[in-house]
Amino acid sequence: MEARSGNVGGSKSLSSSKGVVLHDDYRNDGVEVPDTAHQIGSDSWFQVGFVLTTGVNSAYVLGYSSAILVPLGWVAGINGLIAATLISLYANGLIAKLHEYGGTRHIRYRDLAGYIYGRKVYSLTWVLQYINLFMINTGYIILAGSALKAVYVLFRDDDALKLPYCIIIAGFMCGVFAIGIPHLSALGIWLGISTVLSLIYISVAIVLSLQDGIRNPARDYSIPGTKMSKIFTTIGAIANLVFAFNTGMLPEIQATISQPVVKNMMKALYLQFSIGVVPMYAVTFIGYWAYGSSTSSYLLDNVSGPIWVKAMANIAAFLHCIIALHIFASPMYEYLDTKFGIKGSPLAIKNLSFRVLVRGGYLTINTFVSALLPFLGDFMSLTGAISTFPLTFILANHMYLVAKRNKLNSLKKL
């Protein structure tokens, strides 16, 4: 398959008559930038690194002990996590290096795929990516609802506030946040808040798990299930390994970074896959060490300790989900805002009304699906297997091979 030199989707010519805006930061660089309603090219690599770290240390980490280590055990689980970290860094690095391929800044995943392959793959990538992001967002709403339910149970275990009701409350709060934050770069201080929130629930989970593990040294690390069920849980665990480290929206995140975009993005990726993965590794390993094969799909359900400490951790997880969801919903918001020409002041009546109706409607659908299917572990496995794996590994490697085929030696092509 030959790389396309033509433009597909958002990658158009520089002529203003064709609707492409060459932003001021790029006029001297001669890099074409597709028109977009969102802010691009303004964030430091450190801020983008925080965006990536927010994703990898989201409240999903509270389920990795159960979703990855319980089905795989110590040896395969540790080796799998290390391998997934290195492979994910490599694959994301390949995508990052193609961001300005062909003299065009590819600010959307589908634009990059379309530029290299053509219209059909552009459309296929679009479908895969939005399925991926919709499922991730659905999982965040389920997770936020579960955290809210856990807080309620700590104080009143009467089952009056059921999980679907908590999910609806979580979806509403996500909608309020989405209306108030116009685009990804506007997160600003919220990224710092998300880091504090993640440190709270991860630290509480680690400390209380350590205490429980020391007090109750007898635990079972055998892999549960029948021979047939172990096959399926192993496949699910591998899919969860893919899900844990990858966003499926790297070009959209890279679109916000300042020049030089490739060098700065690689710095952000190195931050994510070094310091950024330490909290996730710690809570995953310690949670499994403390509870073994009986580890819950939501680690805070296992821990014992002061009620106020557990409540604080669950509230932190709930709030973090709201911020993290906004990151993964931003490609959909960017598409809708650009399509309908939503530019200018975020507080303008037209723009505010649009966000209320459109983003509110999108998250209402997300919340409805979440309330119908409140199975977090299944959503992680499905997302990893159906969309994250082909987007992040298969497509990334093949795109780089096609784009750089004349510059790669035989060994690198392998």
Protein backbone atom coordinates (compact mmCIF):
# COMPACT_ATOMS: atom_id res chain seq x y z
CA MET A 1 0.00 0.00 0.00
CA GLU A 2 1.48 3.33 -1.04
CA ALA A 3 1.59 6.42 1.10
CA ARG A 4 -0.69 9.14 -0.19
CA SER A 5 0.61 12.57 -0.96
CA GLY A 6 -2.88 13.91 -1.34
CA ASN A 7 -4.95 15.38 1.51
CA VAL A 8 -7.83 13.67 3.21
CA GLY A 9 -10.23 14.84 5.89
CA GLY A 10 -8.67 17.68 7.85
CA SER A 11 -5.40 17.78 5.85
CA LYS A 12 -6.08 20.36 3.16
CA SER A 13 -4.02 22.84 1.18
CA LEU A 14 -2.68 26.07 2.56
CA SER A 15 -4.99 28.22 0.48
CA SER A 16 -7.44 30.16 2.60
CA SER A 17 -10.11 29.46 0.02
CA LYS A 18 -9.95 25.84 1.06
CA GLY A 19 -10.54 26.53 4.71
CA VAL A 20 -7.16 25.77 6.27
CA VAL A 21 -5.81 28.10 8.90
CA LEU A 22 -2.03 28.40 9.16
CA HIS A 23 -1.67 29.45 12.77
CA ASP A 24 0.77 32.21 13.66
CA ASP A 25 3.14 29.83 15.45
CA TYR A 26 3.67 27.91 12.21
CA ARG A 27 3.85 30.58 9.51
CA ASN A 28 7.64 30.58 9.62
CA ASP A 29 7.83 26.79 9.72
CA GLY A 30 5.73 26.23 6.59
CA VAL A 31 3.65 23.55 8.30
CA GLU A 32 0.03 23.23 7.25
CA VAL A 33 -2.49 23.11 10.08
CA PRO A 34 -6.11 22.04 9.48
CA ASP A 35 -8.82 24.37 10.67
CA THR A 36 -10.07 23.60 14.17
CA ALA A 37 -12.28 25.28 16.72
CA HIS A 38 -9.94 24.25 19.53
CA GLN A 39 -6.64 25.71 20.66
CA ILE A 40 -3.52 23.97 19.39
CA GLY A 41 0.24 24.34 19.68
CA SER A 42 0.23 26.25 22.97
CA ASP A 43 1.01 23.74 25.75
CA SER A 44 4.41 22.84 27.16
CA TRP A 45 5.66 19.25 27.02
CA PHE A 46 5.34 19.12 30.79
CA GLN A 47 1.61 19.97 30.70
CA VAL A 48 1.04 17.38 27.97
CA GLY A 49 3.00 14.90 30.08
CA PHE A 50 0.55 15.57 32.90
CA VAL A 51 -2.36 14.87 30.52
CA LEU A 52 -0.82 11.50 29.63
CA THR A 53 0.01 10.71 33.25
CA THR A 54 -3.57 11.56 34.27
CA GLY A 55 -4.76 8.92 31.83
CA VAL A 56 -2.37 6.18 32.94
CA ASN A 57 -3.05 6.83 36.66
CA SER A 58 -6.77 7.29 36.39
CA ALA A 59 -9.07 5.50 38.80
CA TYR A 60 -8.94 2.55 36.40
CA VAL A 61 -5.69 1.57 38.20
CA LEU A 62 -7.81 0.45 41.15
CA GLY A 63 -8.96 -2.47 39.00
CA TYR A 64 -5.65 -3.62 37.49
CA SER A 65 -4.71 -5.98 40.35
CA SER A 66 -7.87 -7.94 39.63
CA ALA A 67 -8.04 -7.45 35.86
CA ILE A 68 -4.37 -8.21 35.08
CA LEU A 69 -2.58 -10.02 37.92
CA VAL A 70 -5.37 -12.30 39.15
CA PRO A 71 -5.78 -13.97 35.70
CA LEU A 72 -2.03 -14.02 34.92
CA GLY A 73 -0.34 -14.54 38.29
CA TRP A 74 2.95 -13.03 39.47
CA VAL A 75 5.38 -14.12 36.76
CA ALA A 76 3.25 -13.58 33.67
CA GLY A 77 1.62 -10.49 35.19
CA ILE A 78 4.89 -8.69 36.00
CA ASN A 79 6.48 -9.62 32.67
CA GLY A 80 3.29 -8.60 30.87
CA LEU A 81 3.20 -5.18 32.52
CA ILE A 82 6.85 -4.49 31.74
CA ALA A 83 6.48 -5.67 28.14
CA ALA A 84 3.29 -3.64 27.66
CA THR A 85 5.05 -0.54 29.01
CA LEU A 86 7.99 -0.84 26.61
CA ILE A 87 5.90 -1.80 23.58
CA SER A 88 3.41 0.99 24.25
CA LEU A 89 6.21 3.57 24.53
CA TYR A 90 7.63 2.35 21.23
CA ALA A 91 4.26 2.36 19.42
CA ASN A 92 3.27 5.79 20.74
CA GLY A 93 6.69 7.11 19.77
CA LEU A 94 6.10 5.98 16.19
CA ILE A 95 2.82 7.89 16.04
CA ALA A 96 4.40 10.99 17.59
CA LYS A 97 7.15 11.02 14.95
CA LEU A 98 4.54 11.16 12.16
CA HIS A 99 2.78 14.25 13.52
CA GLU A 100 4.18 16.57 10.84
CA TYR A 101 4.62 13.95 8.15
CA GLY A 102 4.42 15.40 4.65
CA GLY A 103 4.60 19.02 5.88
CA THR A 104 1.15 18.86 7.48
CA ARG A 105 0.36 18.90 11.19
CA HIS A 106 -1.94 15.91 11.70
CA ILE A 107 -3.99 17.02 14.69
CA ARG A 108 -6.41 14.08 14.49
CA TYR A 109 -5.71 10.36 14.32
CA ARG A 110 -8.03 9.95 11.35
CA ASP A 111 -6.24 12.77 9.47
CA LEU A 112 -2.90 11.00 9.81
CA ALA A 113 -4.33 7.65 8.69
CA GLY A 114 -6.16 9.32 5.80
CA TYR A 115 -3.07 11.20 4.65
CA ILE A 116 -1.07 7.97 4.48
CA TYR A 117 -3.69 5.49 3.22
CA GLY A 118 -6.60 7.42 1.76
CA ARG A 119 -10.31 7.96 2.36
CA LYS A 120 -11.36 4.40 3.30
CA VAL A 121 -8.84 4.04 6.11
CA TYR A 122 -9.61 7.60 7.21
CA SER A 123 -13.24 6.56 7.75
CA LEU A 124 -12.31 3.22 9.35
CA THR A 125 -9.91 4.93 11.77
CA TRP A 126 -12.59 7.47 12.66
CA VAL A 127 -15.08 4.71 13.50
CA LEU A 128 -12.55 2.69 15.51
CA GLN A 129 -11.32 5.71 17.45
CA TYR A 130 -14.74 6.96 18.44
CA ILE A 131 -15.85 3.47 19.49
CA ASN A 132 -12.67 3.34 21.59
CA LEU A 133 -13.24 6.75 23.21
CA PHE A 134 -16.95 6.14 23.77
CA MET A 135 -16.18 2.89 25.57
CA ILE A 136 -13.45 4.51 27.68
CA ASN A 137 -15.84 7.31 28.65
CA THR A 138 -18.54 4.78 29.47
CA GLY A 139 -16.06 3.02 31.74
CA TYR A 140 -15.21 6.30 33.48
CA ILE A 141 -18.86 6.97 34.23
CA ILE A 142 -19.29 3.42 35.58
CA LEU A 143 -16.16 3.88 37.70
CA ALA A 144 -17.30 7.28 39.03
CA GLY A 145 -20.70 5.81 39.88
CA SER A 146 -19.04 2.87 41.65
CA ALA A 147 -16.89 5.25 43.71
CA LEU A 148 -19.96 7.27 44.67
CA LYS A 149 -21.83 4.11 45.62
CA ALA A 150 -18.84 3.01 47.76
CA VAL A 151 -19.00 6.29 49.69
CA TYR A 152 -22.71 5.82 50.35
CA VAL A 153 -22.23 2.22 51.54
CA LEU A 154 -19.61 3.36 54.05
CA PHE A 155 -22.24 5.38 55.90
CA ARG A 156 -25.56 3.72 55.04
CA ASP A 157 -25.61 0.13 53.86
CA ASP A 158 -29.33 0.06 53.11
CA ASP A 159 -29.09 -0.23 49.30
CA ALA A 160 -31.49 2.68 48.85
CA LEU A 161 -29.03 4.46 46.54
CA LYS A 162 -28.49 1.88 43.83
CA LEU A 163 -25.53 1.82 41.43
CA PRO A 164 -27.52 3.00 38.36
CA TYR A 165 -28.61 6.09 40.32
CA CYS A 166 -24.99 6.78 41.24
CA ILE A 167 -24.02 6.39 37.58
CA ILE A 168 -26.67 8.96 36.58
CA ILE A 169 -25.30 11.41 39.16
CA ALA A 170 -21.78 10.81 37.85
CA GLY A 171 -22.88 11.40 34.26
CA PHE A 172 -24.56 14.66 35.25
CA MET A 173 -21.39 15.91 36.97
CA CYS A 174 -19.32 14.97 33.92
CA GLY A 175 -21.72 17.01 31.79
CA VAL A 176 -21.39 20.06 34.05
CA PHE A 177 -17.60 19.85 33.82
CA ALA A 178 -17.68 19.41 30.02
CA ILE A 179 -19.81 22.53 29.64
CA GLY A 180 -17.40 24.59 31.74
CA ILE A 181 -14.13 23.50 30.06
CA PRO A 182 -14.19 24.44 26.35
CA HIS A 183 -11.15 22.45 25.12
CA LEU A 184 -8.24 20.25 26.19
CA SER A 185 -5.72 23.06 26.68
CA ALA A 186 -8.18 24.84 29.01
CA LEU A 187 -7.79 22.11 31.64
CA GLY A 188 -4.80 24.00 33.04
CA ILE A 189 -5.00 23.93 36.84
CA TRP A 190 -7.36 20.96 36.69
CA LEU A 191 -4.43 18.76 35.63
CA GLY A 192 -2.68 19.65 38.87
CA ILE A 193 -5.86 18.92 40.81
CA SER A 194 -6.22 15.57 39.02
CA THR A 195 -2.66 14.66 40.05
CA VAL A 196 -3.44 15.42 43.70
CA LEU A 197 -6.66 13.40 43.48
CA SER A 198 -4.88 10.40 41.95
CA LEU A 199 -2.19 10.53 44.63
CA ILE A 200 -4.92 10.48 47.29
CA TYR A 201 -6.75 7.35 46.15
CA ILE A 202 -3.56 5.54 45.11
CA SER A 203 -1.80 6.35 48.39
CA VAL A 204 -4.80 5.27 50.46
CA ALA A 205 -5.12 2.04 48.47
CA ILE A 206 -1.40 1.29 48.89
CA VAL A 207 -1.21 2.07 52.63
CA LEU A 208 -4.39 0.23 53.60
CA SER A 209 -3.50 -2.74 51.37
CA LEU A 210 -0.07 -2.95 53.00
CA GLN A 211 -1.67 -2.94 56.43
CA ASP A 212 -4.11 -5.67 55.46
CA GLY A 213 -1.34 -7.75 53.86
CA ILE A 214 0.84 -7.56 56.96
CA ARG A 215 -2.03 -8.43 59.30
CA ASN A 216 -3.26 -11.34 57.18
CA PRO A 217 -0.22 -13.04 55.66
CA ALA A 218 -2.13 -16.14 54.49
CA ARG A 219 -3.50 -15.62 50.98
CA ASP A 220 -4.01 -17.60 47.80
CA TYR A 221 -2.22 -16.60 44.58
CA SER A 222 -3.52 -19.48 42.47
CA ILE A 223 -5.24 -18.51 39.24
CA PRO A 224 -8.98 -19.11 39.71
CA GLY A 225 -11.31 -20.81 37.26
CA THR A 226 -11.57 -23.89 35.07
CA LYS A 227 -9.15 -24.62 32.25
CA MET A 228 -11.53 -23.13 29.69
CA SER A 229 -12.37 -20.06 31.76
CA LYS A 230 -8.65 -19.40 32.33
CA ILE A 231 -8.16 -19.12 28.57
CA PHE A 232 -10.77 -16.38 28.34
CA THR A 233 -9.57 -14.52 31.44
CA THR A 234 -6.00 -14.61 30.10
CA ILE A 235 -7.14 -13.10 26.81
CA GLY A 236 -9.03 -10.46 28.77
CA ALA A 237 -5.95 -9.71 30.88
CA ILE A 238 -3.83 -9.21 27.76
CA ALA A 239 -6.45 -6.81 26.41
CA ASN A 240 -6.35 -4.96 29.74
CA LEU A 241 -2.56 -4.61 29.41
CA VAL A 242 -3.12 -2.85 26.09
CA PHE A 243 -5.83 -0.67 27.60
CA ALA A 244 -3.73 0.34 30.62
CA PHE A 245 -1.07 2.33 28.76
CA ASN A 246 -2.72 3.66 25.62
CA THR A 247 -5.19 6.40 24.80
CA GLY A 248 -6.02 5.84 21.14
CA MET A 249 -5.92 9.64 20.71
CA LEU A 250 -2.22 10.54 20.76
CA PRO A 251 -2.34 12.91 17.72
CA GLU A 252 -5.17 14.87 19.37
CA ILE A 253 -3.12 15.26 22.55
CA GLN A 254 0.02 16.09 20.55
CA ALA A 255 -1.96 18.77 18.72
CA THR A 256 -1.89 20.89 21.88
CA ILE A 257 1.89 20.80 22.30
CA SER A 258 4.18 23.67 21.30
CA GLN A 259 7.05 23.47 18.81
CA PRO A 260 9.16 21.43 18.27
CA VAL A 261 6.23 19.04 18.35
CA VAL A 262 8.03 15.72 17.92
CA LYS A 263 10.85 16.46 20.36
CA ASN A 264 8.45 17.85 22.98
CA MET A 265 6.02 14.97 22.56
CA MET A 266 8.78 12.43 23.09
CA LYS A 267 9.67 14.22 26.34
CA ALA A 268 6.03 13.95 27.43
CA LEU A 269 5.97 10.24 26.55
CA TYR A 270 9.18 9.60 28.48
CA LEU A 271 7.58 11.31 31.49
CA GLN A 272 4.47 9.16 31.16
CA PHE A 273 6.34 5.86 30.78
CA SER A 274 8.92 6.50 33.52
CA ILE A 275 7.79 8.49 36.55
CA GLY A 276 4.19 8.38 35.37
CA VAL A 277 3.81 4.60 35.60
CA VAL A 278 5.33 4.23 39.09
CA PRO A 279 2.07 4.87 41.04
CA MET A 280 0.17 2.51 38.75
CA TYR A 281 2.77 -0.24 39.17
CA ALA A 282 2.81 0.23 42.95
CA VAL A 283 -0.94 0.01 43.52
CA THR A 284 -1.28 -2.91 41.09
CA PHE A 285 1.46 -5.04 42.69
CA ILE A 286 0.68 -4.18 46.31
CA GLY A 287 -3.05 -4.75 45.84
CA TYR A 288 -2.44 -8.23 44.44
CA TRP A 289 0.19 -8.99 47.11
CA ALA A 290 -2.28 -8.09 49.87
CA TYR A 291 -5.38 -9.94 48.63
CA GLY A 292 -4.19 -12.49 46.07
CA SER A 293 -6.83 -14.12 43.89
CA SER A 294 -9.62 -12.59 46.00
CA THR A 295 -8.69 -9.05 44.89
CA SER A 296 -11.81 -7.06 44.00
CA SER A 297 -12.31 -5.42 40.61
CA TYR A 298 -12.36 -2.13 42.59
CA LEU A 299 -9.49 -2.30 45.08
CA LEU A 300 -11.02 0.14 47.57
CA ASP A 301 -13.74 -2.46 48.20
CA ASN A 302 -11.07 -4.78 49.65
CA VAL A 303 -9.26 -2.42 52.00
CA SER A 304 -10.07 -2.03 55.67
CA GLY A 305 -9.38 1.13 57.63
CA PRO A 306 -10.93 4.32 59.00
CA ILE A 307 -14.22 5.16 57.29
CA TRP A 308 -13.21 8.78 56.68
CA VAL A 309 -10.00 7.69 54.93
CA LYS A 310 -11.85 5.29 52.63
CA ALA A 311 -14.50 7.93 51.97
CA MET A 312 -11.80 10.47 51.04
CA ALA A 313 -10.19 8.01 48.61
CA ASN A 314 -13.51 7.18 46.94
CA ILE A 315 -14.46 10.85 46.61
CA ALA A 316 -11.03 11.54 45.08
CA ALA A 317 -11.59 8.68 42.59
CA PHE A 318 -15.04 10.05 41.73
CA LEU A 319 -13.72 13.56 41.05
CA HIS A 320 -10.70 12.29 39.12
CA CYS A 321 -12.98 10.33 36.77
CA ILE A 322 -14.79 13.54 35.86
CA ILE A 323 -11.55 15.26 34.85
CA ALA A 324 -10.11 12.20 33.07
CA LEU A 325 -13.30 11.65 31.07
CA HIS A 326 -13.00 15.18 29.67
CA ILE A 327 -9.60 14.28 28.19
CA PHE A 328 -10.94 11.25 26.37
CA ALA A 329 -14.09 13.03 25.23
CA SER A 330 -12.17 15.98 23.78
CA PRO A 331 -11.77 14.53 20.24
CA MET A 332 -15.56 14.25 19.97
CA TYR A 333 -15.96 17.78 21.32
CA GLU A 334 -13.36 19.10 18.86
CA TYR A 335 -15.10 17.44 15.93
CA LEU A 336 -18.51 18.84 16.86
CA ASP A 337 -17.21 22.34 17.71
CA THR A 338 -15.28 22.54 14.42
CA LYS A 339 -18.12 21.15 12.32
CA PHE A 340 -20.58 23.72 13.66
CA GLY A 341 -18.13 26.63 13.79
CA ILE A 342 -18.06 27.10 17.57
CA LYS A 343 -15.28 29.66 18.02
CA GLY A 344 -14.63 32.79 20.04
CA SER A 345 -15.39 33.35 23.70
CA PRO A 346 -16.40 30.17 25.56
CA LEU A 347 -18.92 32.29 27.49
CA ALA A 348 -20.72 33.58 24.39
CA ILE A 349 -24.41 32.59 24.53
CA LYS A 350 -24.20 30.65 21.28
CA ASN A 351 -21.12 28.68 22.37
CA LEU A 352 -22.38 28.01 25.87
CA SER A 353 -25.78 26.88 24.59
CA PHE A 354 -24.11 24.60 22.07
CA ARG A 355 -22.03 22.91 24.75
CA VAL A 356 -25.07 22.45 26.97
CA LEU A 357 -27.10 20.82 24.21
CA VAL A 358 -24.48 18.85 22.28
CA ARG A 359 -22.03 17.80 24.97
CA GLY A 360 -24.89 17.26 27.37
CA GLY A 361 -26.60 15.07 24.80
CA TYR A 362 -23.45 13.06 24.09
CA LEU A 363 -22.84 12.39 27.78
CA THR A 364 -26.51 11.54 28.31
CA ILE A 365 -26.09 8.70 25.80
CA ASN A 366 -22.84 7.67 27.52
CA THR A 367 -24.59 7.66 30.90
CA PHE A 368 -27.55 5.67 29.60
CA VAL A 369 -25.23 2.95 28.27
CA SER A 370 -23.24 3.01 31.54
CA ALA A 371 -26.38 2.51 33.62
CA LEU A 372 -27.48 -0.41 31.45
CA LEU A 373 -24.10 -2.14 31.45
CA PRO A 374 -22.33 -1.41 34.75
CA PHE A 375 -19.56 -3.99 34.29
CA LEU A 376 -16.24 -2.19 34.54
CA GLY A 377 -13.86 -5.11 34.02
CA ASP A 378 -15.69 -6.21 30.88
CA PHE A 379 -15.47 -2.68 29.46
CA MET A 380 -11.70 -2.55 29.95
CA SER A 381 -11.26 -5.89 28.16
CA LEU A 382 -13.63 -5.01 25.33
CA THR A 383 -12.05 -1.62 24.78
CA GLY A 384 -8.54 -3.05 24.70
CA ALA A 385 -9.44 -5.90 22.34
CA ILE A 386 -11.82 -4.17 19.94
CA SER A 387 -10.29 -0.76 19.39
CA THR A 388 -7.22 0.18 21.45
CA PHE A 389 -5.07 -2.73 20.18
CA PRO A 390 -5.64 -2.17 16.44
CA LEU A 391 -5.34 1.62 16.80
CA THR A 392 -2.23 1.73 18.96
CA PHE A 393 -0.21 -1.27 17.82
CA ILE A 394 -1.29 -2.56 14.40
CA LEU A 395 -2.09 0.77 12.76
CA ALA A 396 0.78 2.69 14.38
CA ASN A 397 3.45 0.25 13.23
CA HIS A 398 2.05 -0.12 9.73
CA MET A 399 1.62 3.63 9.25
CA TYR A 400 5.22 4.23 10.22
CA LEU A 401 6.39 1.43 7.93
CA VAL A 402 4.46 2.84 4.97
CA ALA A 403 5.45 6.46 5.62
CA LYS A 404 9.14 5.74 6.20
CA ARG A 405 9.61 2.64 4.04
CA ASN A 406 12.30 4.24 1.88
CA LYS A 407 14.31 5.33 4.94
CA LEU A 408 14.22 2.07 6.91
CA ASN A 409 16.72 -0.75 6.58
CA SER A 410 15.63 -4.38 6.50
CA LEU A 411 16.15 -4.84 10.25
CA LYS A 412 13.96 -1.84 11.19
CA LYS A 413 11.23 -3.00 8.79
CA LEU A 414 11.05 -6.27 10.73
